[in-house]
Amino acid sequence: MLIGAYKSVSAQELYVFTEPASNMPKKSIGVRITNEGMFNYPGYVSRTIPEVMIGFSKNLMMHTQAFLSDMDGKYRLEGGSLYAKYRFLSLDEAHSHFRASAFGRISTSRRPTYTRDINLEGDNSGVQGGLIFTQLLHKLALSSTLGFAHAFENSDRQIAGMPQPKNMLSYSLSSGYLVLPVVYKDYKQPNFNVYLELLGKTDPGSGQSYLDIAPALQMVLNSATRIDFGYRFQATGNMDNRYTKNMYLLRAEFNFFNVLK
């Protein structure tokens, strides 16, 4: 949920399945490698997501991602994505703060369409926008996200008889708690964080929806290296053939500070 401090930068919320309203430090670069494994196929399949993040200022950051998987047989490059987030509100107090941000994403994917769910991190081409609100209260961080996604139509990849998704509402509620250190002394101390996130979507066209529960663990080392592990599973819903219905996530992230002029 947080690192004690990105050196001289105030604590940040580091959710596993969602983004917080806070941004990474300005003039910094982050590199991520994420592996997702899904068990709702006849056999196990996985996706690898290399990612580069850039903090242009305290209010603006951008991610660029590539998606590779063996979900359609041979392991291959599926597509990519650009994600930008702008923080437009900051309310700071001694041991708490509130952040509000707007985000946007554009993605491309060469995958065929099998499901009504719209996932712009590998499965669909489209655009998305939304708002994020994050409240930090000492060692507890709470965050909510509201988003709207539109999938691009592509007759070459839309399979006859399969759902052809157009629009999707997404929403989430995330909580994280800093377990260790009990007493913060300096930024070199390892941090151990626990999370519980609720991840939902609704197709306004059909009324189908789902809600996933996603617990996760996180270790942050030297306020620069981050290791995440989480698993999401469906609590309720009637949207069939989802890729992310039973999925683990394993991620390593490395941050480099004050590297941009």
C-alpha atoms as a PDB file:
ATOM      1  CA  MET A   1       0.000   0.000   0.000  1.00  0.00           C
ATOM      2  CA  LEU A   2       2.781   2.468   0.753  1.00  0.00           C
ATOM      3  CA  ILE A   3       6.435   2.817   0.847  1.00  0.00           C
ATOM      4  CA  GLY A   4       7.791   4.615   3.871  1.00  0.00           C
ATOM      5  CA  ALA A   5       9.017   7.307   1.514  1.00  0.00           C
ATOM      6  CA  TYR A   6      10.452   7.386  -1.973  1.00  0.00           C
ATOM      7  CA  LYS A   7      13.529   8.930  -0.344  1.00  0.00           C
ATOM      8  CA  SER A   8      12.485  12.578   0.124  1.00  0.00           C
ATOM      9  CA  VAL A   9       9.105  12.036  -1.557  1.00  0.00           C
ATOM     10  CA  SER A  10       5.988  11.512   0.533  1.00  0.00           C
ATOM     11  CA  ALA A  11       4.555   8.007   0.938  1.00  0.00           C
ATOM     12  CA  GLN A  12       2.687   6.486  -1.968  1.00  0.00           C
ATOM     13  CA  GLU A  13      -0.019   3.896  -2.286  1.00  0.00           C
ATOM     14  CA  LEU A  14       1.160   0.952  -4.361  1.00  0.00           C
ATOM     15  CA  TYR A  15      -1.870  -1.224  -5.114  1.00  0.00           C
ATOM     16  CA  VAL A  16      -1.344  -4.488  -6.967  1.00  0.00           C
ATOM     17  CA  PHE A  17      -4.377  -4.760  -9.285  1.00  0.00           C
ATOM     18  CA  THR A  18      -5.238  -1.056  -9.616  1.00  0.00           C
ATOM     19  CA  GLU A  19      -3.474   2.304  -9.871  1.00  0.00           C
ATOM     20  CA  PRO A  20      -3.681   4.888  -7.064  1.00  0.00           C
ATOM     21  CA  ALA A  21      -4.476   8.570  -7.564  1.00  0.00           C
ATOM     22  CA  SER A  22      -0.922   9.417  -6.430  1.00  0.00           C
ATOM     23  CA  ASN A  23       1.880   9.595  -8.988  1.00  0.00           C
ATOM     24  CA  MET A  24       5.445   8.366  -8.989  1.00  0.00           C
ATOM     25  CA  PRO A  25       8.096  11.034  -8.207  1.00  0.00           C
ATOM     26  CA  LYS A  26       8.902  13.530 -10.948  1.00  0.00           C
ATOM     27  CA  LYS A  27      12.033  12.978 -13.045  1.00  0.00           C
ATOM     28  CA  SER A  28      11.875   9.248 -12.265  1.00  0.00           C
ATOM     29  CA  ILE A  29      11.605   6.096 -14.370  1.00  0.00           C
ATOM     30  CA  GLY A  30      10.114   2.776 -13.317  1.00  0.00           C
ATOM     31  CA  VAL A  31      10.487  -0.612 -15.001  1.00  0.00           C
ATOM     32  CA  ARG A  32       8.022  -3.436 -14.357  1.00  0.00           C
ATOM     33  CA  ILE A  33       7.753  -7.029 -15.450  1.00  0.00           C
ATOM     34  CA  THR A  34       4.420  -8.721 -14.696  1.00  0.00           C
ATOM     35  CA  ASN A  35       3.377 -12.338 -15.157  1.00  0.00           C
ATOM     36  CA  GLU A  36      -0.306 -13.290 -15.116  1.00  0.00           C
ATOM     37  CA  GLY A  37      -1.423 -16.908 -15.014  1.00  0.00           C
ATOM     38  CA  MET A  38      -4.991 -17.980 -15.772  1.00  0.00           C
ATOM     39  CA  PHE A  39      -6.618 -21.305 -14.902  1.00  0.00           C
ATOM     40  CA  ASN A  40     -10.070 -20.995 -16.518  1.00  0.00           C
ATOM     41  CA  TYR A  41      -8.922 -22.485 -19.836  1.00  0.00           C
ATOM     42  CA  PRO A  42      -8.803 -26.204 -20.635  1.00  0.00           C
ATOM     43  CA  GLY A  43      -5.144 -25.776 -19.727  1.00  0.00           C
ATOM     44  CA  TYR A  44      -2.973 -23.220 -17.988  1.00  0.00           C
ATOM     45  CA  VAL A  45      -2.041 -20.076 -19.970  1.00  0.00           C
ATOM     46  CA  SER A  46      -0.005 -17.019 -19.047  1.00  0.00           C
ATOM     47  CA  ARG A  47       0.673 -13.452 -20.099  1.00  0.00           C
ATOM     48  CA  THR A  48       3.861 -11.402 -19.669  1.00  0.00           C
ATOM     49  CA  ILE A  49       3.670  -7.605 -19.495  1.00  0.00           C
ATOM     50  CA  PRO A  50       6.893  -5.558 -19.687  1.00  0.00           C
ATOM     51  CA  GLU A  51       6.239  -1.937 -18.745  1.00  0.00           C
ATOM     52  CA  VAL A  52       8.075   1.382 -18.515  1.00  0.00           C
ATOM     53  CA  MET A  53       6.719   4.245 -16.366  1.00  0.00           C
ATOM     54  CA  ILE A  54       7.832   7.879 -16.506  1.00  0.00           C
ATOM     55  CA  GLY A  55       7.123  10.604 -13.951  1.00  0.00           C
ATOM     56  CA  PHE A  56       7.130  13.874 -15.909  1.00  0.00           C
ATOM     57  CA  SER A  57       6.042  15.988 -12.936  1.00  0.00           C
ATOM     58  CA  LYS A  58       4.355  15.544  -9.565  1.00  0.00           C
ATOM     59  CA  ASN A  59       1.011  15.669 -11.387  1.00  0.00           C
ATOM     60  CA  LEU A  60       1.636  13.789 -14.651  1.00  0.00           C
ATOM     61  CA  MET A  61       2.949  10.309 -15.364  1.00  0.00           C
ATOM     62  CA  MET A  62       2.752   7.816 -18.246  1.00  0.00           C
ATOM     63  CA  HIS A  63       3.017   4.049 -18.706  1.00  0.00           C
ATOM     64  CA  THR A  64       3.825   2.137 -21.870  1.00  0.00           C
ATOM     65  CA  GLN A  65       3.160  -1.611 -21.945  1.00  0.00           C
ATOM     66  CA  ALA A  66       3.627  -4.578 -24.254  1.00  0.00           C
ATOM     67  CA  PHE A  67       1.543  -7.779 -24.003  1.00  0.00           C
ATOM     68  CA  LEU A  68       2.840 -11.264 -24.793  1.00  0.00           C
ATOM     69  CA  SER A  69       1.046 -14.571 -24.157  1.00  0.00           C
ATOM     70  CA  ASP A  70       0.390 -18.141 -25.241  1.00  0.00           C
ATOM     71  CA  MET A  71      -3.383 -17.750 -24.908  1.00  0.00           C
ATOM     72  CA  ASP A  72      -3.979 -18.474 -28.605  1.00  0.00           C
ATOM     73  CA  GLY A  73      -1.539 -21.354 -28.884  1.00  0.00           C
ATOM     74  CA  LYS A  74       1.926 -20.077 -29.733  1.00  0.00           C
ATOM     75  CA  TYR A  75       3.610 -17.576 -27.415  1.00  0.00           C
ATOM     76  CA  ARG A  76       3.555 -14.253 -29.267  1.00  0.00           C
ATOM     77  CA  LEU A  77       3.325 -10.472 -29.028  1.00  0.00           C
ATOM     78  CA  GLU A  78      -0.354  -9.529 -28.682  1.00  0.00           C
ATOM     79  CA  GLY A  79      -0.221  -5.742 -28.645  1.00  0.00           C
ATOM     80  CA  GLY A  80       0.558  -2.720 -26.512  1.00  0.00           C
ATOM     81  CA  SER A  81      -0.903   0.125 -24.503  1.00  0.00           C
ATOM     82  CA  LEU A  82      -0.285   3.745 -23.494  1.00  0.00           C
ATOM     83  CA  TYR A  83      -1.635   4.925 -20.132  1.00  0.00           C
ATOM     84  CA  ALA A  84      -1.508   8.476 -18.740  1.00  0.00           C
ATOM     85  CA  LYS A  85      -2.620   9.823 -15.360  1.00  0.00           C
ATOM     86  CA  TYR A  86      -3.039  13.448 -14.267  1.00  0.00           C
ATOM     87  CA  ARG A  87      -3.442  14.349 -10.585  1.00  0.00           C
ATOM     88  CA  PHE A  88      -5.727  17.373 -10.284  1.00  0.00           C
ATOM     89  CA  LEU A  89      -6.360  17.491  -6.515  1.00  0.00           C
ATOM     90  CA  SER A  90      -4.097  17.109  -3.471  1.00  0.00           C
ATOM     91  CA  LEU A  91      -5.147  17.711   0.133  1.00  0.00           C
ATOM     92  CA  ASP A  92      -2.295  17.122   2.599  1.00  0.00           C
ATOM     93  CA  GLU A  93      -2.240  16.837   6.387  1.00  0.00           C
ATOM     94  CA  ALA A  94       0.365  15.608   8.885  1.00  0.00           C
ATOM     95  CA  HIS A  95      -0.348  11.852   8.643  1.00  0.00           C
ATOM     96  CA  SER A  96      -2.895  11.701   5.856  1.00  0.00           C
ATOM     97  CA  HIS A  97      -3.621  12.942   2.377  1.00  0.00           C
ATOM     98  CA  PHE A  98      -6.316  12.805  -0.282  1.00  0.00           C
ATOM     99  CA  ARG A  99      -5.610  12.582  -4.018  1.00  0.00           C
ATOM    100  CA  ALA A 100      -7.853  12.724  -7.080  1.00  0.00           C
ATOM    101  CA  SER A 101      -6.670  11.925 -10.610  1.00  0.00           C
ATOM    102  CA  ALA A 102      -7.997  11.437 -14.127  1.00  0.00           C
ATOM    103  CA  PHE A 103      -6.592   8.687 -16.348  1.00  0.00           C
ATOM    104  CA  GLY A 104      -6.778   7.580 -19.949  1.00  0.00           C
ATOM    105  CA  ARG A 105      -5.620   4.534 -21.894  1.00  0.00           C
ATOM    106  CA  ILE A 106      -5.415   3.508 -25.546  1.00  0.00           C
ATOM    107  CA  SER A 107      -4.624  -0.107 -26.421  1.00  0.00           C
ATOM    108  CA  THR A 108      -4.196  -2.362 -29.398  1.00  0.00           C
ATOM    109  CA  SER A 109      -4.480  -6.144 -29.515  1.00  0.00           C
ATOM    110  CA  ARG A 110      -4.361  -8.780 -32.259  1.00  0.00           C
ATOM    111  CA  ARG A 111      -6.346 -11.314 -30.217  1.00  0.00           C
ATOM    112  CA  PRO A 112      -9.665 -12.741 -31.447  1.00  0.00           C
ATOM    113  CA  THR A 113     -12.764 -11.784 -29.453  1.00  0.00           C
ATOM    114  CA  TYR A 114     -14.206 -14.651 -27.396  1.00  0.00           C
ATOM    115  CA  THR A 115     -15.753 -12.899 -24.393  1.00  0.00           C
ATOM    116  CA  ARG A 116     -17.991  -9.960 -23.554  1.00  0.00           C
ATOM    117  CA  ASP A 117     -15.481  -8.643 -21.022  1.00  0.00           C
ATOM    118  CA  ILE A 118     -13.272  -5.775 -22.237  1.00  0.00           C
ATOM    119  CA  ASN A 119      -9.683  -6.026 -21.006  1.00  0.00           C
ATOM    120  CA  LEU A 120      -7.404  -3.367 -22.490  1.00  0.00           C
ATOM    121  CA  GLU A 121      -4.307  -5.012 -21.015  1.00  0.00           C
ATOM    122  CA  GLY A 122      -3.879  -7.633 -23.712  1.00  0.00           C
ATOM    123  CA  ASP A 123      -7.289  -8.828 -24.907  1.00  0.00           C
ATOM    124  CA  ASN A 124      -8.963  -5.895 -26.690  1.00  0.00           C
ATOM    125  CA  SER A 125      -8.185  -2.833 -28.750  1.00  0.00           C
ATOM    126  CA  GLY A 126      -9.891   0.281 -27.438  1.00  0.00           C
ATOM    127  CA  VAL A 127      -9.839   3.387 -25.281  1.00  0.00           C
ATOM    128  CA  GLN A 128     -10.616   3.979 -21.616  1.00  0.00           C
ATOM    129  CA  GLY A 129     -10.941   6.941 -19.291  1.00  0.00           C
ATOM    130  CA  GLY A 130     -11.882   7.485 -15.686  1.00  0.00           C
ATOM    131  CA  LEU A 131     -11.272   8.917 -12.239  1.00  0.00           C
ATOM    132  CA  ILE A 132      -9.311   7.685  -9.214  1.00  0.00           C
ATOM    133  CA  PHE A 133      -9.752   8.835  -5.593  1.00  0.00           C
ATOM    134  CA  THR A 134      -7.247   7.784  -2.909  1.00  0.00           C
ATOM    135  CA  GLN A 135      -7.249   8.508   0.823  1.00  0.00           C
ATOM    136  CA  LEU A 136      -4.196   7.797   2.992  1.00  0.00           C
ATOM    137  CA  LEU A 137      -4.789   7.530   6.762  1.00  0.00           C
ATOM    138  CA  HIS A 138      -1.420   6.844   8.429  1.00  0.00           C
ATOM    139  CA  LYS A 139      -0.824   3.123   7.665  1.00  0.00           C
ATOM    140  CA  LEU A 140      -4.130   2.521   5.869  1.00  0.00           C
ATOM    141  CA  ALA A 141      -4.832   3.554   2.277  1.00  0.00           C
ATOM    142  CA  LEU A 142      -8.228   3.394   0.569  1.00  0.00           C
ATOM    143  CA  SER A 143      -8.843   3.979  -3.122  1.00  0.00           C
ATOM    144  CA  SER A 144     -11.719   3.841  -5.586  1.00  0.00           C
ATOM    145  CA  THR A 145     -11.730   3.886  -9.381  1.00  0.00           C
ATOM    146  CA  LEU A 146     -14.520   4.585 -11.854  1.00  0.00           C
ATOM    147  CA  GLY A 147     -13.878   3.982 -15.534  1.00  0.00           C
ATOM    148  CA  PHE A 148     -15.521   3.633 -18.952  1.00  0.00           C
ATOM    149  CA  ALA A 149     -13.994   1.599 -21.793  1.00  0.00           C
ATOM    150  CA  HIS A 150     -14.911   1.392 -25.477  1.00  0.00           C
ATOM    151  CA  ALA A 151     -13.630  -1.480 -27.621  1.00  0.00           C
ATOM    152  CA  PHE A 152     -12.764  -0.837 -31.254  1.00  0.00           C
ATOM    153  CA  GLU A 153     -14.650  -2.942 -33.780  1.00  0.00           C
ATOM    154  CA  ASN A 154     -12.512  -5.201 -35.948  1.00  0.00           C
ATOM    155  CA  SER A 155     -14.361  -7.637 -38.176  1.00  0.00           C
ATOM    156  CA  ASP A 156     -11.168  -9.595 -38.878  1.00  0.00           C
ATOM    157  CA  ARG A 157     -10.863 -10.631 -35.224  1.00  0.00           C
ATOM    158  CA  GLN A 158     -14.489 -10.804 -34.125  1.00  0.00           C
ATOM    159  CA  ILE A 159     -15.600 -14.431 -34.335  1.00  0.00           C
ATOM    160  CA  ALA A 160     -19.110 -15.234 -35.566  1.00  0.00           C
ATOM    161  CA  GLY A 161     -21.378 -16.368 -32.759  1.00  0.00           C
ATOM    162  CA  MET A 162     -19.118 -14.955 -30.055  1.00  0.00           C
ATOM    163  CA  PRO A 163     -19.862 -11.809 -28.014  1.00  0.00           C
ATOM    164  CA  GLN A 164     -18.749  -8.562 -29.643  1.00  0.00           C
ATOM    165  CA  PRO A 165     -18.157  -6.160 -26.738  1.00  0.00           C
ATOM    166  CA  LYS A 166     -18.541  -2.436 -27.271  1.00  0.00           C
ATOM    167  CA  ASN A 167     -18.664  -0.603 -23.947  1.00  0.00           C
ATOM    168  CA  MET A 168     -17.832  -1.467 -20.351  1.00  0.00           C
ATOM    169  CA  LEU A 169     -18.175   0.258 -16.996  1.00  0.00           C
ATOM    170  CA  SER A 170     -15.452  -0.601 -14.475  1.00  0.00           C
ATOM    171  CA  TYR A 171     -15.236   0.129 -10.764  1.00  0.00           C
ATOM    172  CA  SER A 172     -12.991  -0.889  -7.905  1.00  0.00           C
ATOM    173  CA  LEU A 173     -12.478  -0.409  -4.187  1.00  0.00           C
ATOM    174  CA  SER A 174      -8.968  -1.075  -2.876  1.00  0.00           C
ATOM    175  CA  SER A 175      -7.519  -1.158   0.621  1.00  0.00           C
ATOM    176  CA  GLY A 176      -3.935  -1.585   1.744  1.00  0.00           C
ATOM    177  CA  TYR A 177      -2.220  -1.687   5.110  1.00  0.00           C
ATOM    178  CA  LEU A 178       1.446  -1.206   6.026  1.00  0.00           C
ATOM    179  CA  VAL A 179       2.307  -4.130   8.331  1.00  0.00           C
ATOM    180  CA  LEU A 180       6.075  -3.595   8.606  1.00  0.00           C
ATOM    181  CA  PRO A 181       7.996  -1.675   9.761  1.00  0.00           C
ATOM    182  CA  VAL A 182       6.042  -1.087  12.945  1.00  0.00           C
ATOM    183  CA  VAL A 183       8.146   2.017  13.613  1.00  0.00           C
ATOM    184  CA  TYR A 184       9.495   3.864  10.579  1.00  0.00           C
ATOM    185  CA  LYS A 185      13.136   4.954  10.924  1.00  0.00           C
ATOM    186  CA  ASP A 186      14.515   5.422   7.407  1.00  0.00           C
ATOM    187  CA  TYR A 187      13.704   4.656   3.775  1.00  0.00           C
ATOM    188  CA  LYS A 188      16.076   1.661   3.642  1.00  0.00           C
ATOM    189  CA  GLN A 189      13.828  -0.421   5.897  1.00  0.00           C
ATOM    190  CA  PRO A 190      11.946  -3.217   4.079  1.00  0.00           C
ATOM    191  CA  ASN A 191       8.200  -2.607   3.883  1.00  0.00           C
ATOM    192  CA  PHE A 192       5.597  -5.365   3.971  1.00  0.00           C
ATOM    193  CA  ASN A 193       2.074  -4.462   2.813  1.00  0.00           C
ATOM    194  CA  VAL A 194      -1.194  -6.425   2.609  1.00  0.00           C
ATOM    195  CA  TYR A 195      -4.088  -5.644   0.269  1.00  0.00           C
ATOM    196  CA  LEU A 196      -7.691  -6.480  -0.420  1.00  0.00           C
ATOM    197  CA  GLU A 197      -9.222  -5.184  -3.649  1.00  0.00           C
ATOM    198  CA  LEU A 198     -12.736  -5.490  -5.098  1.00  0.00           C
ATOM    199  CA  LEU A 199     -12.754  -5.358  -8.909  1.00  0.00           C
ATOM    200  CA  GLY A 200     -16.005  -5.086 -10.847  1.00  0.00           C
ATOM    201  CA  LYS A 201     -17.341  -4.458 -14.346  1.00  0.00           C
ATOM    202  CA  THR A 202     -20.779  -4.047 -15.943  1.00  0.00           C
ATOM    203  CA  ASP A 203     -21.717  -4.287 -19.622  1.00  0.00           C
ATOM    204  CA  PRO A 204     -24.383  -1.579 -20.064  1.00  0.00           C
ATOM    205  CA  GLY A 205     -25.633  -3.229 -23.267  1.00  0.00           C
ATOM    206  CA  SER A 206     -26.489  -6.638 -21.829  1.00  0.00           C
ATOM    207  CA  GLY A 207     -26.593  -5.852 -18.105  1.00  0.00           C
ATOM    208  CA  GLN A 208     -24.088  -8.632 -17.410  1.00  0.00           C
ATOM    209  CA  SER A 209     -21.608  -7.941 -14.623  1.00  0.00           C
ATOM    210  CA  TYR A 210     -19.133  -9.469 -12.215  1.00  0.00           C
ATOM    211  CA  LEU A 211     -17.287  -8.676  -8.992  1.00  0.00           C
ATOM    212  CA  ASP A 212     -13.872 -10.174  -8.173  1.00  0.00           C
ATOM    213  CA  ILE A 213     -12.085 -10.330  -4.820  1.00  0.00           C
ATOM    214  CA  ALA A 214      -8.293  -9.877  -5.046  1.00  0.00           C
ATOM    215  CA  PRO A 215      -6.079 -10.312  -1.961  1.00  0.00           C
ATOM    216  CA  ALA A 216      -2.375  -9.509  -2.402  1.00  0.00           C
ATOM    217  CA  LEU A 217       0.977  -9.226  -0.629  1.00  0.00           C
ATOM    218  CA  GLN A 218       3.805  -6.796  -1.344  1.00  0.00           C
ATOM    219  CA  MET A 219       7.432  -6.289  -0.314  1.00  0.00           C
ATOM    220  CA  VAL A 220       9.269  -2.993  -0.932  1.00  0.00           C
ATOM    221  CA  LEU A 221      13.068  -2.933  -0.581  1.00  0.00           C
ATOM    222  CA  ASN A 222      15.180   0.215  -0.178  1.00  0.00           C
ATOM    223  CA  SER A 223      12.143   2.270  -1.291  1.00  0.00           C
ATOM    224  CA  ALA A 224      13.021   1.415  -4.899  1.00  0.00           C
ATOM    225  CA  THR A 225      12.380  -2.292  -5.567  1.00  0.00           C
ATOM    226  CA  ARG A 226       8.890  -3.747  -5.295  1.00  0.00           C
ATOM    227  CA  ILE A 227       7.639  -7.349  -5.443  1.00  0.00           C
ATOM    228  CA  ASP A 228       3.891  -8.102  -5.710  1.00  0.00           C
ATOM    229  CA  PHE A 229       1.895 -11.306  -5.525  1.00  0.00           C
ATOM    230  CA  GLY A 230      -1.890 -11.466  -5.764  1.00  0.00           C
ATOM    231  CA  TYR A 231      -4.776 -13.659  -6.846  1.00  0.00           C
ATOM    232  CA  ARG A 232      -8.227 -12.640  -8.071  1.00  0.00           C
ATOM    233  CA  PHE A 233     -11.338 -14.822  -8.085  1.00  0.00           C
ATOM    234  CA  GLN A 234     -14.978 -14.161  -8.837  1.00  0.00           C
ATOM    235  CA  ALA A 235     -17.304 -13.506  -5.901  1.00  0.00           C
ATOM    236  CA  THR A 236     -20.431 -13.019  -7.986  1.00  0.00           C
ATOM    237  CA  GLY A 237     -21.421 -12.401 -11.599  1.00  0.00           C
ATOM    238  CA  ASN A 238     -22.984 -13.678 -14.799  1.00  0.00           C
ATOM    239  CA  MET A 239     -20.411 -12.699 -17.431  1.00  0.00           C
ATOM    240  CA  ASP A 240     -19.145 -15.932 -18.996  1.00  0.00           C
ATOM    241  CA  ASN A 241     -15.761 -16.946 -20.450  1.00  0.00           C
ATOM    242  CA  ARG A 242     -13.710 -14.244 -18.756  1.00  0.00           C
ATOM    243  CA  TYR A 243      -9.934 -14.485 -19.095  1.00  0.00           C
ATOM    244  CA  THR A 244      -9.248 -12.921 -15.685  1.00  0.00           C
ATOM    245  CA  LYS A 245     -11.801 -14.954 -13.688  1.00  0.00           C
ATOM    246  CA  ASN A 246      -9.189 -16.990 -11.790  1.00  0.00           C
ATOM    247  CA  MET A 247      -5.824 -15.301 -12.215  1.00  0.00           C
ATOM    248  CA  TYR A 248      -2.628 -14.862 -10.237  1.00  0.00           C
ATOM    249  CA  LEU A 249      -0.333 -11.888 -10.671  1.00  0.00           C
ATOM    250  CA  LEU A 250       3.398 -11.820  -9.955  1.00  0.00           C
ATOM    251  CA  ARG A 251       5.346  -8.593 -10.507  1.00  0.00           C
ATOM    252  CA  ALA A 252       8.785  -7.089  -9.986  1.00  0.00           C
ATOM    253  CA  GLU A 253       9.273  -3.316 -10.230  1.00  0.00           C
ATOM    254  CA  PHE A 254      12.466  -1.247 -10.171  1.00  0.00           C
ATOM    255  CA  ASN A 255      12.463   2.545  -9.735  1.00  0.00           C
ATOM    256  CA  PHE A 256      15.204   4.996 -10.672  1.00  0.00           C
ATOM    257  CA  PHE A 257      14.973   8.504  -9.216  1.00  0.00           C
ATOM    258  CA  ASN A 258      16.116  11.874 -10.567  1.00  0.00           C
ATOM    259  CA  VAL A 259      17.230  10.427 -13.897  1.00  0.00           C
ATOM    260  CA  LEU A 260      15.331  12.865 -16.128  1.00  0.00           C
ATOM    261  CA  LYS A 261      16.426  16.439 -16.686  1.00  0.00           C
END
